[in-house]
Amino acid sequence: MMNQHSYIHPDAKIGQNVTVSAFSTVYEDVEIGDGTWIGPNVTVFQGARIGKNCRIFPGAVISAIPQDLKFKGEVTTAEIGDNTTIRECVTINRGTSDKMKTSVGSNCLLMAYVHVAHDCIIGNNVIIANSVNLAGHIVIEDYVILEGLVAIQQFVRIGAHAFITGGSLVRKNVPPYTKAAREPLQYVGINSVGLRRRGYSNERILEIEDIYRTLYVKGHNVTNALAIIEQEAPVSAEKEQILTFIRESKNGIMRGLS
């Protein structure tokens, strides 16, 4: 449904039962899936790919060009999965030649004033609270929760099921399943509450805790800790996920307890 005070470019691809509210603008080379609601005063620029049953609230700007001086006008996208909610004044910039896209997964919630810069890749079931700022080239894996006013440096990776407390400055990678807090950012435990909510057994949670106790609590350097975890921790998908994440973290991981 198009409001008489909105504008939809004739070349935009609009699904069934889509609402575009008053004073919103949808440019060419845009795709919007069935059942999505676009609230008032939303701007959807070229390259937007919005899934089904999304809700985009007033003042949001989707797929504006990157705030990157290296951007040369290449044809890129900003992609949003199904059932994702974008609250007031969120900005999601499209990609550059690095990844050619910025993407937000399905079943996500981005609260008011979140900024997602170019080439960020956000997984599914992610919650990003008010006024979080993501620099370019960040990867956020599934089920991550970022509390309000978190700021993340470019090229950082946040592992699945991690939880970062409000107001944190994130300069290093945050491994999966962990809780991060303090300044400078450091490990303060695992996200046991979130894991229980998602059906993880106490046994699996304890195994994850033991892995991070070896890494962060027992005084080993990272190289030695990884060797001990490889040899002594029970075989599990979580163990392999953690080891792979840390080994691939070329810019380092957050520090341990101090």
Protein backbone atom coordinates (compact mmCIF):
# COMPACT_ATOMS: atom_id res chain seq x y z
CA MET A 1 0.00 0.00 0.00
CA MET A 2 1.44 3.34 -1.08
CA ASN A 3 0.44 6.51 0.74
CA GLN A 4 -0.38 9.45 -1.54
CA HIS A 5 2.38 11.46 0.16
CA SER A 6 5.08 8.81 -0.38
CA TYR A 7 7.15 8.19 -3.51
CA ILE A 8 8.10 4.80 -4.99
CA HIS A 9 10.24 4.72 -8.11
CA PRO A 10 8.49 2.75 -10.86
CA ASP A 11 11.48 0.42 -11.22
CA ALA A 12 11.48 -0.61 -7.56
CA LYS A 13 10.35 -4.19 -6.91
CA ILE A 14 7.71 -4.19 -4.20
CA GLY A 15 6.20 -7.40 -2.84
CA GLN A 16 2.66 -8.16 -1.78
CA ASN A 17 1.03 -6.39 1.17
CA VAL A 18 3.86 -3.88 1.57
CA THR A 19 3.07 -0.56 3.27
CA VAL A 20 5.03 2.57 2.41
CA SER A 21 3.85 5.33 4.74
CA ALA A 22 3.59 9.07 4.23
CA PHE A 23 6.67 11.06 3.24
CA SER A 24 8.82 7.97 2.66
CA THR A 25 10.88 7.62 -0.50
CA VAL A 26 11.87 4.39 -2.28
CA TYR A 27 14.45 4.79 -5.05
CA GLU A 28 15.15 2.64 -8.11
CA ASP A 29 17.06 -0.67 -7.79
CA VAL A 30 15.28 -1.47 -4.54
CA GLU A 31 13.59 -4.75 -3.59
CA ILE A 32 11.15 -5.03 -0.68
CA GLY A 33 9.68 -8.38 0.34
CA ASP A 34 6.09 -9.31 1.11
CA GLY A 35 4.44 -7.96 4.22
CA THR A 36 7.08 -5.37 5.07
CA TRP A 37 6.02 -2.11 6.72
CA ILE A 38 7.90 1.09 5.91
CA GLY A 39 6.97 3.81 8.37
CA PRO A 40 6.79 7.57 7.74
CA ASN A 41 9.83 9.58 6.71
CA VAL A 42 11.97 6.59 5.74
CA THR A 43 14.45 6.83 2.87
CA VAL A 44 15.37 3.65 0.97
CA PHE A 45 18.16 4.33 -1.50
CA GLN A 46 19.43 2.35 -4.50
CA GLY A 47 20.79 -1.08 -3.69
CA ALA A 48 18.48 -1.87 -0.80
CA ARG A 49 17.34 -5.50 -0.55
CA ILE A 50 14.76 -5.76 2.22
CA GLY A 51 13.23 -9.10 3.17
CA LYS A 52 9.74 -10.19 4.14
CA ASN A 53 7.76 -8.98 7.15
CA CYS A 54 10.29 -6.36 8.20
CA ARG A 55 9.38 -3.20 10.09
CA ILE A 56 11.29 0.00 9.41
CA PHE A 57 10.45 2.94 11.66
CA PRO A 58 10.45 6.70 11.00
CA GLY A 59 13.69 8.45 10.14
CA ALA A 60 15.60 5.34 9.08
CA VAL A 61 17.92 5.63 6.06
CA ILE A 62 18.69 2.37 4.27
CA SER A 63 21.43 1.90 1.65
CA ALA A 64 22.90 5.40 1.54
CA ILE A 65 26.34 5.52 -0.04
CA PRO A 66 29.27 4.68 2.26
CA GLN A 67 30.97 7.32 4.37
CA ASP A 68 34.27 6.16 2.90
CA LEU A 69 36.52 8.35 0.76
CA LYS A 70 37.68 5.25 -1.13
CA PHE A 71 34.17 4.66 -2.47
CA LYS A 72 34.09 5.28 -6.22
CA GLY A 73 30.42 4.76 -6.97
CA GLU A 74 30.57 0.99 -7.46
CA VAL A 75 27.22 -0.82 -7.60
CA THR A 76 26.75 -2.39 -4.18
CA THR A 77 23.89 -3.37 -1.87
CA ALA A 78 22.54 -3.10 1.66
CA GLU A 79 20.66 -6.30 2.50
CA ILE A 80 18.19 -6.95 5.32
CA GLY A 81 16.79 -10.41 6.06
CA ASP A 82 13.24 -11.45 6.91
CA ASN A 83 11.40 -10.46 10.10
CA THR A 84 13.93 -7.82 11.08
CA THR A 85 12.95 -4.62 12.89
CA ILE A 86 14.77 -1.36 12.21
CA ARG A 87 13.84 1.33 14.73
CA GLU A 88 13.86 5.12 14.51
CA CYS A 89 16.75 6.92 12.78
CA VAL A 90 18.84 3.82 12.10
CA THR A 91 21.33 4.26 9.25
CA ILE A 92 22.62 1.33 7.19
CA ASN A 93 25.15 2.21 4.48
CA ARG A 94 25.67 0.01 1.45
CA GLY A 95 28.93 -1.78 0.74
CA THR A 96 32.13 -0.89 -1.09
CA SER A 97 34.40 -2.90 -3.34
CA ASP A 98 35.62 -4.82 -0.27
CA LYS A 99 32.53 -7.02 0.21
CA MET A 100 30.18 -5.34 -2.29
CA LYS A 101 27.45 -5.39 0.33
CA THR A 102 26.42 -4.57 3.86
CA SER A 103 24.06 -7.14 5.34
CA VAL A 104 21.80 -7.56 8.34
CA GLY A 105 20.36 -11.03 8.90
CA SER A 106 16.88 -12.29 9.70
CA ASN A 107 15.03 -11.89 13.01
CA CYS A 108 17.25 -9.02 14.12
CA LEU A 109 16.38 -5.93 16.17
CA LEU A 110 18.29 -2.71 15.58
CA MET A 111 17.11 -0.11 18.09
CA ALA A 112 17.00 3.66 17.60
CA TYR A 113 20.01 5.58 16.27
CA VAL A 114 22.12 2.52 15.44
CA HIS A 115 24.66 3.13 12.67
CA VAL A 116 25.82 0.23 10.49
CA ALA A 117 28.70 1.28 8.25
CA HIS A 118 29.75 -0.11 4.88
CA ASP A 119 30.71 -3.78 4.49
CA CYS A 120 29.42 -4.84 7.90
CA ILE A 121 28.04 -8.38 7.99
CA ILE A 122 25.51 -9.03 10.76
CA GLY A 123 24.14 -12.52 11.35
CA ASN A 124 20.69 -13.73 12.38
CA ASN A 125 18.89 -13.14 15.69
CA VAL A 126 21.16 -10.24 16.63
CA ILE A 127 20.00 -7.49 19.02
CA ILE A 128 21.73 -4.11 18.79
CA ALA A 129 20.54 -1.57 21.35
CA ASN A 130 20.19 2.20 21.11
CA SER A 131 22.97 4.38 19.69
CA VAL A 132 25.43 1.58 18.91
CA ASN A 133 27.97 2.59 16.27
CA LEU A 134 29.58 0.05 13.95
CA ALA A 135 32.55 1.15 11.86
CA GLY A 136 33.20 -0.47 8.49
CA HIS A 137 34.08 -4.09 7.76
CA ILE A 138 32.77 -5.49 11.07
CA VAL A 139 31.42 -9.05 11.34
CA ILE A 140 28.82 -9.85 13.99
CA GLU A 141 27.84 -13.50 14.19
CA ASP A 142 24.45 -15.00 15.14
CA TYR A 143 22.72 -14.32 18.47
CA VAL A 144 25.03 -11.50 19.56
CA ILE A 145 23.63 -8.84 21.91
CA LEU A 146 25.17 -5.36 22.01
CA GLU A 147 23.88 -3.08 24.75
CA GLY A 148 23.40 0.66 24.24
CA LEU A 149 26.21 3.05 23.26
CA VAL A 150 28.66 0.33 22.27
CA ALA A 151 31.22 1.51 19.69
CA ILE A 152 33.12 -1.03 17.59
CA GLN A 153 36.32 -0.34 15.66
CA GLN A 154 36.62 -1.31 12.00
CA PHE A 155 37.54 -4.89 11.01
CA VAL A 156 36.54 -6.30 14.42
CA ARG A 157 34.69 -9.63 14.65
CA ILE A 158 32.16 -10.52 17.37
CA GLY A 159 31.63 -14.25 17.89
CA ALA A 160 28.27 -15.98 18.06
CA HIS A 161 26.27 -15.70 21.32
CA ALA A 162 28.58 -12.98 22.71
CA PHE A 163 27.21 -10.25 24.98
CA ILE A 164 28.81 -6.80 25.23
CA THR A 165 27.77 -4.44 28.00
CA GLY A 166 26.60 -0.89 27.41
CA GLY A 167 29.07 1.89 26.72
CA SER A 168 31.90 -0.45 25.77
CA LEU A 169 34.62 0.44 23.29
CA VAL A 170 35.50 -2.64 21.24
CA ARG A 171 38.96 -2.62 19.65
CA LYS A 172 39.71 -6.37 19.54
CA ASN A 173 37.78 -9.45 18.47
CA VAL A 174 35.32 -10.86 21.02
CA PRO A 175 35.26 -14.70 21.01
CA PRO A 176 32.01 -16.69 20.85
CA TYR A 177 29.85 -17.31 23.94
CA THR A 178 31.60 -14.67 26.07
CA LYS A 179 30.51 -11.65 28.09
CA ALA A 180 32.63 -8.53 27.62
CA ALA A 181 32.78 -5.43 29.84
CA ARG A 182 35.06 -2.84 31.49
CA GLU A 183 37.58 -0.44 29.98
CA PRO A 184 39.68 -1.57 28.27
CA LEU A 185 37.29 -4.30 27.18
CA GLN A 186 37.91 -7.68 28.78
CA TYR A 187 36.45 -11.11 29.39
CA VAL A 188 34.11 -11.24 32.41
CA GLY A 189 32.61 -14.71 31.93
CA ILE A 190 30.49 -16.56 29.43
CA ASN A 191 26.99 -15.65 28.34
CA SER A 192 25.39 -18.46 30.34
CA VAL A 193 22.01 -16.74 30.65
CA GLY A 194 21.71 -16.33 26.89
CA LEU A 195 22.87 -19.88 26.26
CA ARG A 196 20.29 -21.35 28.64
CA ARG A 197 17.56 -19.33 26.95
CA ARG A 198 18.62 -20.88 23.65
CA GLY A 199 18.50 -24.44 24.96
CA TYR A 200 22.12 -25.15 25.82
CA SER A 201 22.44 -27.82 28.52
CA ASN A 202 24.34 -27.20 31.75
CA GLU A 203 26.92 -29.75 30.60
CA ARG A 204 27.64 -27.86 27.38
CA ILE A 205 27.78 -24.55 29.24
CA LEU A 206 30.29 -25.96 31.74
CA GLU A 207 32.45 -27.26 28.88
CA ILE A 208 32.51 -23.78 27.34
CA GLU A 209 33.36 -22.27 30.74
CA ASP A 210 36.27 -24.69 31.15
CA ILE A 211 37.65 -23.69 27.74
CA TYR A 212 37.60 -20.01 28.64
CA ARG A 213 38.99 -20.67 32.11
CA THR A 214 42.03 -22.17 30.40
CA LEU A 215 42.28 -19.27 27.98
CA TYR A 216 41.62 -16.36 30.32
CA VAL A 217 41.93 -17.34 33.99
CA LYS A 218 44.80 -19.80 34.44
CA GLY A 219 47.61 -17.49 33.37
CA HIS A 220 48.56 -19.13 30.05
CA ASN A 221 49.48 -17.12 27.00
CA VAL A 222 47.15 -17.60 24.05
CA THR A 223 49.41 -20.04 22.20
CA ASN A 224 49.82 -22.34 25.20
CA ALA A 225 46.15 -22.07 26.13
CA LEU A 226 45.08 -23.14 22.65
CA ALA A 227 47.39 -26.17 22.78
CA ILE A 228 45.98 -27.22 26.16
CA ILE A 229 42.38 -26.75 24.99
CA GLU A 230 43.10 -28.76 21.84
CA GLN A 231 44.52 -31.66 23.86
CA GLU A 232 42.35 -31.67 26.97
CA ALA A 233 38.89 -30.22 26.24
CA PRO A 234 36.20 -32.70 25.15
CA VAL A 235 35.47 -32.86 21.45
CA SER A 236 32.54 -30.61 20.58
CA ALA A 237 31.31 -28.21 17.91
CA GLU A 238 31.69 -25.35 20.40
CA LYS A 239 35.34 -26.21 21.05
CA GLU A 240 36.14 -26.20 17.34
CA GLN A 241 34.22 -22.97 16.85
CA ILE A 242 36.18 -21.22 19.61
CA LEU A 243 39.57 -22.53 18.46
CA THR A 244 38.92 -21.56 14.86
CA PHE A 245 37.72 -18.09 15.85
CA ILE A 246 40.80 -17.35 17.95
CA ARG A 247 43.27 -18.76 15.43
CA GLU A 248 41.74 -16.62 12.68
CA SER A 249 41.80 -13.45 14.82
CA LYS A 250 44.84 -11.83 13.25
CA ASN A 251 44.17 -8.51 15.00
CA GLY A 252 43.95 -10.22 18.41
CA ILE A 253 41.20 -10.98 20.90
CA MET A 254 40.02 -9.04 23.94
CA ARG A 255 42.12 -9.31 27.08
CA GLY A 256 41.46 -11.50 30.10
CA LEU A 257 40.47 -10.52 33.61
CA SER A 258 42.77 -8.02 35.31
